[in-house]
């Protein structure tokens, strides 16, 4: 429930009423990761993780991912869309951990790497959406277009965040998704192949919808809501620039730490 896994995910989209910095901190980095962290600690601490529990975790994870990406298509609020994206990516983390419990060291590494990479990527997206909302006074996808002409820096941040969250190389979440999907195939079982193929399908569908949202909100003629929009002041722009660098660089400093943890438990 803490990590918003199916069927306990309904609280997270409604929590998007919080201010954008609070959403970025609590719902991209800190609070929702507590459940993932707890399961990871259990996996590290136990000599033998129950295979039945690992199988159940993988089922909950893949159902969470597919349900969330299906609900993408019904969102007209940018922050609610990001909330469902967070739920889907928490499913990826649980999938990676469950693969580790089933014997895939690559999947385990991917789950932990996804946890770190998602923190930077989703924070970037939340803050970019916050900047759009701050400047236009609206978050409705249907009411926004042409924002890219008015807010080039913010739009670049949103585009790069969308590419990263969709698992496009060379961004950080490409590597974590690659490890998770390869880890599923590494099981050399029918269930592993099923999990891997479903994860690929989720990733493709999510990428397609984010492309649609980017095209709708950032390009085309400038909508009335975006007429007076402009990039935020330096106090809001500098975090966007830093996070754009981190979505490229985080894998470099995250992977050695994760590999050390994995070696410590023999995975």
C-alpha atoms as a PDB file:
ATOM      1  CA  UNK A   1       0.000   0.000   0.000  1.00  0.00           C
ATOM      2  CA  UNK A   2       2.833   2.408   0.819  1.00  0.00           C
ATOM      3  CA  UNK A   3       4.368   1.772  -2.595  1.00  0.00           C
ATOM      4  CA  UNK A   4       0.966   2.112  -4.321  1.00  0.00           C
ATOM      5  CA  UNK A   5       0.831  -1.415  -5.709  1.00  0.00           C
ATOM      6  CA  UNK A   6      -2.400  -2.811  -7.141  1.00  0.00           C
ATOM      7  CA  UNK A   7      -5.050  -2.665  -5.722  1.00  0.00           C
ATOM      8  CA  UNK A   8      -3.780  -0.165  -3.123  1.00  0.00           C
ATOM      9  CA  UNK A   9      -2.737   2.598  -5.539  1.00  0.00           C
ATOM     10  CA  UNK A  10      -5.820   4.830  -5.563  1.00  0.00           C
ATOM     11  CA  UNK A  11      -4.491   7.155  -2.849  1.00  0.00           C
ATOM     12  CA  UNK A  12      -1.535   8.384  -4.891  1.00  0.00           C
ATOM     13  CA  UNK A  13      -3.284  10.253  -7.763  1.00  0.00           C
ATOM     14  CA  UNK A  14      -5.578  12.032  -5.290  1.00  0.00           C
ATOM     15  CA  UNK A  15      -2.518  13.174  -3.312  1.00  0.00           C
ATOM     16  CA  UNK A  16      -1.535  15.366  -6.271  1.00  0.00           C
ATOM     17  CA  UNK A  17      -3.424  18.264  -4.657  1.00  0.00           C
ATOM     18  CA  UNK A  18      -0.199  18.957  -2.737  1.00  0.00           C
ATOM     19  CA  UNK A  19       2.082  21.780  -3.973  1.00  0.00           C
ATOM     20  CA  UNK A  20       4.443  20.691  -6.750  1.00  0.00           C
ATOM     21  CA  UNK A  21       7.668  20.734  -4.645  1.00  0.00           C
ATOM     22  CA  UNK A  22       5.942  18.520  -2.063  1.00  0.00           C
ATOM     23  CA  UNK A  23       4.765  16.172  -4.811  1.00  0.00           C
ATOM     24  CA  UNK A  24       8.276  16.046  -6.248  1.00  0.00           C
ATOM     25  CA  UNK A  25       9.832  15.240  -2.878  1.00  0.00           C
ATOM     26  CA  UNK A  26       7.246  12.863  -1.440  1.00  0.00           C
ATOM     27  CA  UNK A  27       5.821  11.188  -4.535  1.00  0.00           C
ATOM     28  CA  UNK A  28       8.928  11.015  -6.714  1.00  0.00           C
ATOM     29  CA  UNK A  29      11.710  10.378  -4.231  1.00  0.00           C
ATOM     30  CA  UNK A  30      10.920   9.792  -0.573  1.00  0.00           C
ATOM     31  CA  UNK A  31       7.552   8.528   0.629  1.00  0.00           C
ATOM     32  CA  UNK A  32       6.484   6.096  -2.086  1.00  0.00           C
ATOM     33  CA  UNK A  33       9.928   4.481  -2.111  1.00  0.00           C
ATOM     34  CA  UNK A  34       9.612   3.433   1.543  1.00  0.00           C
ATOM     35  CA  UNK A  35       7.694   0.271   0.646  1.00  0.00           C
ATOM     36  CA  UNK A  36      10.211  -0.647  -2.049  1.00  0.00           C
ATOM     37  CA  UNK A  37      13.073  -0.007   0.376  1.00  0.00           C
ATOM     38  CA  UNK A  38      11.475  -2.268   2.993  1.00  0.00           C
ATOM     39  CA  UNK A  39      11.132  -5.173   0.560  1.00  0.00           C
ATOM     40  CA  UNK A  40      14.706  -4.623  -0.654  1.00  0.00           C
ATOM     41  CA  UNK A  41      15.970  -4.723   2.939  1.00  0.00           C
ATOM     42  CA  UNK A  42      14.056  -7.953   3.572  1.00  0.00           C
ATOM     43  CA  UNK A  43      15.527  -9.455   0.430  1.00  0.00           C
ATOM     44  CA  UNK A  44      19.042  -8.453   1.474  1.00  0.00           C
ATOM     45  CA  UNK A  45      18.578  -9.634   5.075  1.00  0.00           C
ATOM     46  CA  UNK A  46      16.989 -13.047   4.488  1.00  0.00           C
ATOM     47  CA  UNK A  47      19.101 -16.015   3.463  1.00  0.00           C
ATOM     48  CA  UNK A  48      16.216 -17.556   1.546  1.00  0.00           C
ATOM     49  CA  UNK A  49      13.341 -15.383   0.352  1.00  0.00           C
ATOM     50  CA  UNK A  50      10.134 -17.490   0.050  1.00  0.00           C
ATOM     51  CA  UNK A  51       9.581 -18.331  -3.608  1.00  0.00           C
ATOM     52  CA  UNK A  52       5.810 -18.068  -3.207  1.00  0.00           C
ATOM     53  CA  UNK A  53       6.134 -14.522  -1.904  1.00  0.00           C
ATOM     54  CA  UNK A  54       8.514 -13.653  -4.751  1.00  0.00           C
ATOM     55  CA  UNK A  55       6.015 -15.004  -7.277  1.00  0.00           C
ATOM     56  CA  UNK A  56       3.200 -13.003  -5.675  1.00  0.00           C
ATOM     57  CA  UNK A  57       5.330  -9.843  -5.772  1.00  0.00           C
ATOM     58  CA  UNK A  58       5.975 -10.319  -9.479  1.00  0.00           C
ATOM     59  CA  UNK A  59       2.239 -10.746 -10.142  1.00  0.00           C
ATOM     60  CA  UNK A  60       1.310  -7.626  -8.177  1.00  0.00           C
ATOM     61  CA  UNK A  61       4.101  -5.700  -9.930  1.00  0.00           C
ATOM     62  CA  UNK A  62       3.102  -6.584 -13.485  1.00  0.00           C
ATOM     63  CA  UNK A  63      -0.614  -5.992 -12.807  1.00  0.00           C
ATOM     64  CA  UNK A  64       0.250  -2.608 -11.277  1.00  0.00           C
ATOM     65  CA  UNK A  65       2.331  -1.646 -14.313  1.00  0.00           C
ATOM     66  CA  UNK A  66      -0.311  -2.636 -16.859  1.00  0.00           C
ATOM     67  CA  UNK A  67      -3.210  -1.083 -14.933  1.00  0.00           C
ATOM     68  CA  UNK A  68      -1.362   2.195 -14.537  1.00  0.00           C
ATOM     69  CA  UNK A  69      -0.372   2.499 -18.186  1.00  0.00           C
ATOM     70  CA  UNK A  70      -3.992   1.775 -19.178  1.00  0.00           C
ATOM     71  CA  UNK A  71      -5.144   4.629 -16.940  1.00  0.00           C
ATOM     72  CA  UNK A  72      -2.663   7.019 -18.621  1.00  0.00           C
ATOM     73  CA  UNK A  73      -5.104   7.381 -21.494  1.00  0.00           C
ATOM     74  CA  UNK A  74      -7.866   8.869 -19.325  1.00  0.00           C
ATOM     75  CA  UNK A  75      -5.865  11.645 -17.633  1.00  0.00           C
ATOM     76  CA  UNK A  76      -6.297  15.301 -18.512  1.00  0.00           C
ATOM     77  CA  UNK A  77      -4.222  16.662 -15.629  1.00  0.00           C
ATOM     78  CA  UNK A  78      -0.452  16.629 -16.078  1.00  0.00           C
ATOM     79  CA  UNK A  79       0.246  15.910 -12.398  1.00  0.00           C
ATOM     80  CA  UNK A  80      -2.244  13.021 -12.304  1.00  0.00           C
ATOM     81  CA  UNK A  81      -0.564  11.582 -15.402  1.00  0.00           C
ATOM     82  CA  UNK A  82       2.778  11.758 -13.580  1.00  0.00           C
ATOM     83  CA  UNK A  83       1.160  10.119 -10.542  1.00  0.00           C
ATOM     84  CA  UNK A  84       0.069   7.113 -12.601  1.00  0.00           C
ATOM     85  CA  UNK A  85       3.521   7.032 -14.175  1.00  0.00           C
ATOM     86  CA  UNK A  86       4.983   6.868 -10.668  1.00  0.00           C
ATOM     87  CA  UNK A  87       2.718   3.911  -9.854  1.00  0.00           C
ATOM     88  CA  UNK A  88       3.844   2.090 -13.010  1.00  0.00           C
ATOM     89  CA  UNK A  89       7.501   2.669 -12.199  1.00  0.00           C
ATOM     90  CA  UNK A  90       7.052   1.495  -8.617  1.00  0.00           C
ATOM     91  CA  UNK A  91       5.762  -1.684 -10.247  1.00  0.00           C
ATOM     92  CA  UNK A  92       9.021  -1.885 -12.209  1.00  0.00           C
ATOM     93  CA  UNK A  93      10.979  -1.642  -8.954  1.00  0.00           C
ATOM     94  CA  UNK A  94       8.952  -4.425  -7.348  1.00  0.00           C
ATOM     95  CA  UNK A  95       9.337  -6.501 -10.494  1.00  0.00           C
ATOM     96  CA  UNK A  96      13.117  -6.144 -10.304  1.00  0.00           C
ATOM     97  CA  UNK A  97      13.181  -7.130  -6.633  1.00  0.00           C
ATOM     98  CA  UNK A  98      10.907 -10.108  -7.228  1.00  0.00           C
ATOM     99  CA  UNK A  99      13.177 -11.257 -10.055  1.00  0.00           C
ATOM    100  CA  UNK A 100      16.097 -11.043  -7.657  1.00  0.00           C
ATOM    101  CA  UNK A 101      14.200 -13.227  -5.200  1.00  0.00           C
ATOM    102  CA  UNK A 102      13.503 -15.704  -8.016  1.00  0.00           C
ATOM    103  CA  UNK A 103      17.224 -15.929  -8.809  1.00  0.00           C
ATOM    104  CA  UNK A 104      18.015 -13.151 -11.287  1.00  0.00           C
ATOM    105  CA  UNK A 105      20.864 -10.968 -10.063  1.00  0.00           C
ATOM    106  CA  UNK A 106      20.478  -8.732 -13.109  1.00  0.00           C
ATOM    107  CA  UNK A 107      16.821  -8.100 -12.302  1.00  0.00           C
ATOM    108  CA  UNK A 108      17.692  -7.273  -8.680  1.00  0.00           C
ATOM    109  CA  UNK A 109      20.283  -4.719  -9.814  1.00  0.00           C
ATOM    110  CA  UNK A 110      17.749  -3.243 -12.212  1.00  0.00           C
ATOM    111  CA  UNK A 111      15.127  -2.827  -9.503  1.00  0.00           C
ATOM    112  CA  UNK A 112      17.494  -0.900  -7.232  1.00  0.00           C
ATOM    113  CA  UNK A 113      18.868   1.140 -10.136  1.00  0.00           C
ATOM    114  CA  UNK A 114      15.314   2.010 -11.149  1.00  0.00           C
ATOM    115  CA  UNK A 115      14.613   3.267  -7.631  1.00  0.00           C
ATOM    116  CA  UNK A 116      17.493   5.751  -7.817  1.00  0.00           C
ATOM    117  CA  UNK A 117      17.002   6.792 -11.431  1.00  0.00           C
ATOM    118  CA  UNK A 118      13.280   7.341 -11.018  1.00  0.00           C
ATOM    119  CA  UNK A 119      13.900   9.748  -8.137  1.00  0.00           C
ATOM    120  CA  UNK A 120      15.819  12.147 -10.380  1.00  0.00           C
ATOM    121  CA  UNK A 121      13.682  11.668 -13.487  1.00  0.00           C
ATOM    122  CA  UNK A 122      10.280  12.041 -11.867  1.00  0.00           C
ATOM    123  CA  UNK A 123      11.439  15.028  -9.797  1.00  0.00           C
ATOM    124  CA  UNK A 124      12.475  16.708 -13.058  1.00  0.00           C
ATOM    125  CA  UNK A 125       9.059  16.011 -14.586  1.00  0.00           C
ATOM    126  CA  UNK A 126       7.153  17.218 -11.525  1.00  0.00           C
ATOM    127  CA  UNK A 127       9.141  20.454 -11.380  1.00  0.00           C
ATOM    128  CA  UNK A 128       8.715  21.025 -15.131  1.00  0.00           C
ATOM    129  CA  UNK A 129       4.957  20.564 -14.801  1.00  0.00           C
ATOM    130  CA  UNK A 130       5.021  22.840 -11.762  1.00  0.00           C
ATOM    131  CA  UNK A 131       6.766  25.527 -13.812  1.00  0.00           C
ATOM    132  CA  UNK A 132       4.139  25.191 -16.565  1.00  0.00           C
ATOM    133  CA  UNK A 133       1.347  25.422 -14.003  1.00  0.00           C
ATOM    134  CA  UNK A 134       3.038  28.390 -12.290  1.00  0.00           C
ATOM    135  CA  UNK A 135       3.306  30.294 -15.567  1.00  0.00           C
ATOM    136  CA  UNK A 136       0.000  29.372 -17.231  1.00  0.00           C
ATOM    137  CA  UNK A 137      -2.194  28.789 -14.182  1.00  0.00           C
ATOM    138  CA  UNK A 138      -3.441  25.501 -15.619  1.00  0.00           C
ATOM    139  CA  UNK A 139      -2.411  21.827 -15.856  1.00  0.00           C
ATOM    140  CA  UNK A 140      -5.071  20.517 -18.238  1.00  0.00           C
ATOM    141  CA  UNK A 141      -3.570  18.706 -21.222  1.00  0.00           C
ATOM    142  CA  UNK A 142      -6.618  19.543 -23.358  1.00  0.00           C
ATOM    143  CA  UNK A 143      -6.231  23.301 -22.703  1.00  0.00           C
ATOM    144  CA  UNK A 144      -2.500  23.586 -23.382  1.00  0.00           C
ATOM    145  CA  UNK A 145      -0.596  23.753 -26.654  1.00  0.00           C
ATOM    146  CA  UNK A 146       2.373  25.642 -28.028  1.00  0.00           C
ATOM    147  CA  UNK A 147       4.017  25.891 -24.604  1.00  0.00           C
ATOM    148  CA  UNK A 148       7.390  25.101 -26.183  1.00  0.00           C
ATOM    149  CA  UNK A 149       7.398  28.438 -28.018  1.00  0.00           C
ATOM    150  CA  UNK A 150       6.878  30.346 -24.773  1.00  0.00           C
ATOM    151  CA  UNK A 151       8.880  28.223 -22.298  1.00  0.00           C
ATOM    152  CA  UNK A 152      11.815  26.619 -24.166  1.00  0.00           C
ATOM    153  CA  UNK A 153      13.875  25.660 -21.096  1.00  0.00           C
ATOM    154  CA  UNK A 154      10.930  24.155 -19.232  1.00  0.00           C
ATOM    155  CA  UNK A 155       9.819  22.360 -22.380  1.00  0.00           C
ATOM    156  CA  UNK A 156      13.297  20.889 -22.881  1.00  0.00           C
ATOM    157  CA  UNK A 157      13.227  19.651 -19.284  1.00  0.00           C
ATOM    158  CA  UNK A 158       9.827  18.026 -19.840  1.00  0.00           C
ATOM    159  CA  UNK A 159      10.895  16.390 -23.115  1.00  0.00           C
ATOM    160  CA  UNK A 160      14.106  14.975 -21.619  1.00  0.00           C
ATOM    161  CA  UNK A 161      12.193  13.769 -18.562  1.00  0.00           C
ATOM    162  CA  UNK A 162       9.588  12.103 -20.783  1.00  0.00           C
ATOM    163  CA  UNK A 163      12.302  10.361 -22.807  1.00  0.00           C
ATOM    164  CA  UNK A 164      14.062   9.214 -19.631  1.00  0.00           C
ATOM    165  CA  UNK A 165      10.918   7.935 -17.896  1.00  0.00           C
ATOM    166  CA  UNK A 166      10.047   6.001 -21.075  1.00  0.00           C
ATOM    167  CA  UNK A 167      13.401   4.208 -21.025  1.00  0.00           C
ATOM    168  CA  UNK A 168      14.991   5.827 -24.077  1.00  0.00           C
ATOM    169  CA  UNK A 169      18.813   5.583 -24.214  1.00  0.00           C
ATOM    170  CA  UNK A 170      21.152   7.049 -23.066  1.00  0.00           C
ATOM    171  CA  UNK A 171      19.090   8.219 -20.080  1.00  0.00           C
ATOM    172  CA  UNK A 172      19.272   6.558 -16.676  1.00  0.00           C
ATOM    173  CA  UNK A 173      15.998   4.653 -16.802  1.00  0.00           C
ATOM    174  CA  UNK A 174      16.932   2.921 -20.037  1.00  0.00           C
ATOM    175  CA  UNK A 175      19.621   1.009 -18.156  1.00  0.00           C
ATOM    176  CA  UNK A 176      17.399   0.061 -15.233  1.00  0.00           C
ATOM    177  CA  UNK A 177      14.572  -1.086 -17.521  1.00  0.00           C
ATOM    178  CA  UNK A 178      17.073  -2.994 -19.626  1.00  0.00           C
ATOM    179  CA  UNK A 179      18.422  -4.795 -16.555  1.00  0.00           C
ATOM    180  CA  UNK A 180      14.919  -5.650 -15.323  1.00  0.00           C
ATOM    181  CA  UNK A 181      13.685  -6.966 -18.672  1.00  0.00           C
ATOM    182  CA  UNK A 182      16.932  -8.853 -19.330  1.00  0.00           C
ATOM    183  CA  UNK A 183      16.703 -10.222 -15.774  1.00  0.00           C
ATOM    184  CA  UNK A 184      13.238 -11.588 -16.521  1.00  0.00           C
ATOM    185  CA  UNK A 185      14.548 -13.394 -19.600  1.00  0.00           C
ATOM    186  CA  UNK A 186      17.529 -14.570 -17.503  1.00  0.00           C
ATOM    187  CA  UNK A 187      15.182 -16.816 -15.508  1.00  0.00           C
ATOM    188  CA  UNK A 188      14.914 -19.092 -18.587  1.00  0.00           C
ATOM    189  CA  UNK A 189      11.320 -19.955 -17.760  1.00  0.00           C
ATOM    190  CA  UNK A 190       7.915 -19.362 -19.272  1.00  0.00           C
ATOM    191  CA  UNK A 191       7.019 -17.013 -16.422  1.00  0.00           C
ATOM    192  CA  UNK A 192      10.217 -15.035 -16.902  1.00  0.00           C
ATOM    193  CA  UNK A 193       9.546 -14.586 -20.615  1.00  0.00           C
ATOM    194  CA  UNK A 194       5.954 -13.571 -19.869  1.00  0.00           C
ATOM    195  CA  UNK A 195       7.105 -10.926 -17.388  1.00  0.00           C
ATOM    196  CA  UNK A 196       9.744  -9.620 -19.774  1.00  0.00           C
ATOM    197  CA  UNK A 197       7.389  -9.316 -22.743  1.00  0.00           C
ATOM    198  CA  UNK A 198       4.675  -7.629 -20.661  1.00  0.00           C
ATOM    199  CA  UNK A 199       7.238  -5.151 -19.319  1.00  0.00           C
ATOM    200  CA  UNK A 200       8.298  -4.344 -22.901  1.00  0.00           C
ATOM    201  CA  UNK A 201       4.644  -3.832 -23.885  1.00  0.00           C
ATOM    202  CA  UNK A 202       4.096  -1.470 -20.935  1.00  0.00           C
ATOM    203  CA  UNK A 203       7.191   0.517 -21.812  1.00  0.00           C
ATOM    204  CA  UNK A 204       6.174   0.913 -25.462  1.00  0.00           C
ATOM    205  CA  UNK A 205       2.620   1.971 -24.564  1.00  0.00           C
ATOM    206  CA  UNK A 206       3.868   4.470 -21.985  1.00  0.00           C
ATOM    207  CA  UNK A 207       6.374   5.920 -24.451  1.00  0.00           C
ATOM    208  CA  UNK A 208       3.664   6.349 -27.083  1.00  0.00           C
ATOM    209  CA  UNK A 209       1.375   8.216 -24.690  1.00  0.00           C
ATOM    210  CA  UNK A 210       4.127  10.503 -23.419  1.00  0.00           C
ATOM    211  CA  UNK A 211       4.975  11.345 -27.043  1.00  0.00           C
ATOM    212  CA  UNK A 212       1.317  12.255 -27.570  1.00  0.00           C
ATOM    213  CA  UNK A 213       1.292  14.488 -24.482  1.00  0.00           C
ATOM    214  CA  UNK A 214       4.572  16.180 -25.473  1.00  0.00           C
ATOM    215  CA  UNK A 215       3.222  16.889 -28.957  1.00  0.00           C
ATOM    216  CA  UNK A 216      -0.117  18.169 -27.617  1.00  0.00           C
ATOM    217  CA  UNK A 217       1.220  20.421 -24.848  1.00  0.00           C
ATOM    218  CA  UNK A 218       4.496  21.736 -26.247  1.00  0.00           C
ATOM    219  CA  UNK A 219       3.958  22.025 -29.994  1.00  0.00           C
ATOM    220  CA  UNK A 220       1.340  23.410 -32.336  1.00  0.00           C
ATOM    221  CA  UNK A 221      -0.326  26.804 -32.134  1.00  0.00           C
ATOM    222  CA  UNK A 222      -0.154  28.657 -28.838  1.00  0.00           C
ATOM    223  CA  UNK A 223      -3.346  28.156 -26.830  1.00  0.00           C
ATOM    224  CA  UNK A 224      -4.957  31.067 -24.961  1.00  0.00           C
ATOM    225  CA  UNK A 225      -3.816  29.602 -21.638  1.00  0.00           C
ATOM    226  CA  UNK A 226      -0.178  29.670 -22.808  1.00  0.00           C
ATOM    227  CA  UNK A 227      -0.171  33.158 -24.354  1.00  0.00           C
ATOM    228  CA  UNK A 228       1.459  34.839 -21.374  1.00  0.00           C
ATOM    229  CA  UNK A 229       3.676  31.927 -20.362  1.00  0.00           C
ATOM    230  CA  UNK A 230       7.421  32.308 -19.845  1.00  0.00           C
ATOM    231  CA  UNK A 231      10.257  30.290 -18.353  1.00  0.00           C
ATOM    232  CA  UNK A 232      10.530  30.484 -14.559  1.00  0.00           C
ATOM    233  CA  UNK A 233      13.078  32.613 -12.670  1.00  0.00           C
ATOM    234  CA  UNK A 234      16.550  31.297 -11.846  1.00  0.00           C
ATOM    235  CA  UNK A 235      15.465  29.875  -8.478  1.00  0.00           C
ATOM    236  CA  UNK A 236      13.159  27.483 -10.358  1.00  0.00           C
ATOM    237  CA  UNK A 237      15.259  27.072 -13.520  1.00  0.00           C
ATOM    238  CA  UNK A 238      18.521  26.006 -11.844  1.00  0.00           C
ATOM    239  CA  UNK A 239      17.016  22.808 -10.319  1.00  0.00           C
ATOM    240  CA  UNK A 240      15.717  21.894 -13.788  1.00  0.00           C
ATOM    241  CA  UNK A 241      19.203  22.268 -15.264  1.00  0.00           C
ATOM    242  CA  UNK A 242      20.811  20.209 -12.470  1.00  0.00           C
ATOM    243  CA  UNK A 243      18.232  17.428 -12.812  1.00  0.00           C
ATOM    244  CA  UNK A 244      18.670  17.338 -16.609  1.00  0.00           C
ATOM    245  CA  UNK A 245      22.319  16.528 -15.958  1.00  0.00           C
ATOM    246  CA  UNK A 246      21.487  13.934 -13.316  1.00  0.00           C
ATOM    247  CA  UNK A 247      19.127  11.933 -15.529  1.00  0.00           C
ATOM    248  CA  UNK A 248      22.160  11.317 -17.725  1.00  0.00           C
ATOM    249  CA  UNK A 249      24.801  10.862 -15.028  1.00  0.00           C
ATOM    250  CA  UNK A 250      23.018   9.089 -12.154  1.00  0.00           C
ATOM    251  CA  UNK A 251      23.703   5.587 -13.502  1.00  0.00           C
ATOM    252  CA  UNK A 252      27.447   6.257 -13.391  1.00  0.00           C
ATOM    253  CA  UNK A 253      27.531   6.787  -9.620  1.00  0.00           C
ATOM    254  CA  UNK A 254      24.551   4.549  -8.732  1.00  0.00           C
ATOM    255  CA  UNK A 255      25.619   1.300 -10.353  1.00  0.00           C
ATOM    256  CA  UNK A 256      28.855   0.764  -8.351  1.00  0.00           C
ATOM    257  CA  UNK A 257      26.886   1.126  -5.083  1.00  0.00           C
ATOM    258  CA  UNK A 258      24.210  -1.298  -6.279  1.00  0.00           C
ATOM    259  CA  UNK A 259      26.801  -3.807  -7.474  1.00  0.00           C
ATOM    260  CA  UNK A 260      28.430  -3.715  -4.043  1.00  0.00           C
ATOM    261  CA  UNK A 261      25.065  -4.488  -2.395  1.00  0.00           C
ATOM    262  CA  UNK A 262      24.393  -7.280  -4.878  1.00  0.00           C
ATOM    263  CA  UNK A 263      27.801  -8.853  -4.307  1.00  0.00           C
ATOM    264  CA  UNK A 264      27.228  -8.660  -0.574  1.00  0.00           C
ATOM    265  CA  UNK A 265      24.235 -10.995  -0.838  1.00  0.00           C
ATOM    266  CA  UNK A 266      25.657 -13.126  -3.622  1.00  0.00           C
ATOM    267  CA  UNK A 267      23.276 -12.002  -6.380  1.00  0.00           C
END
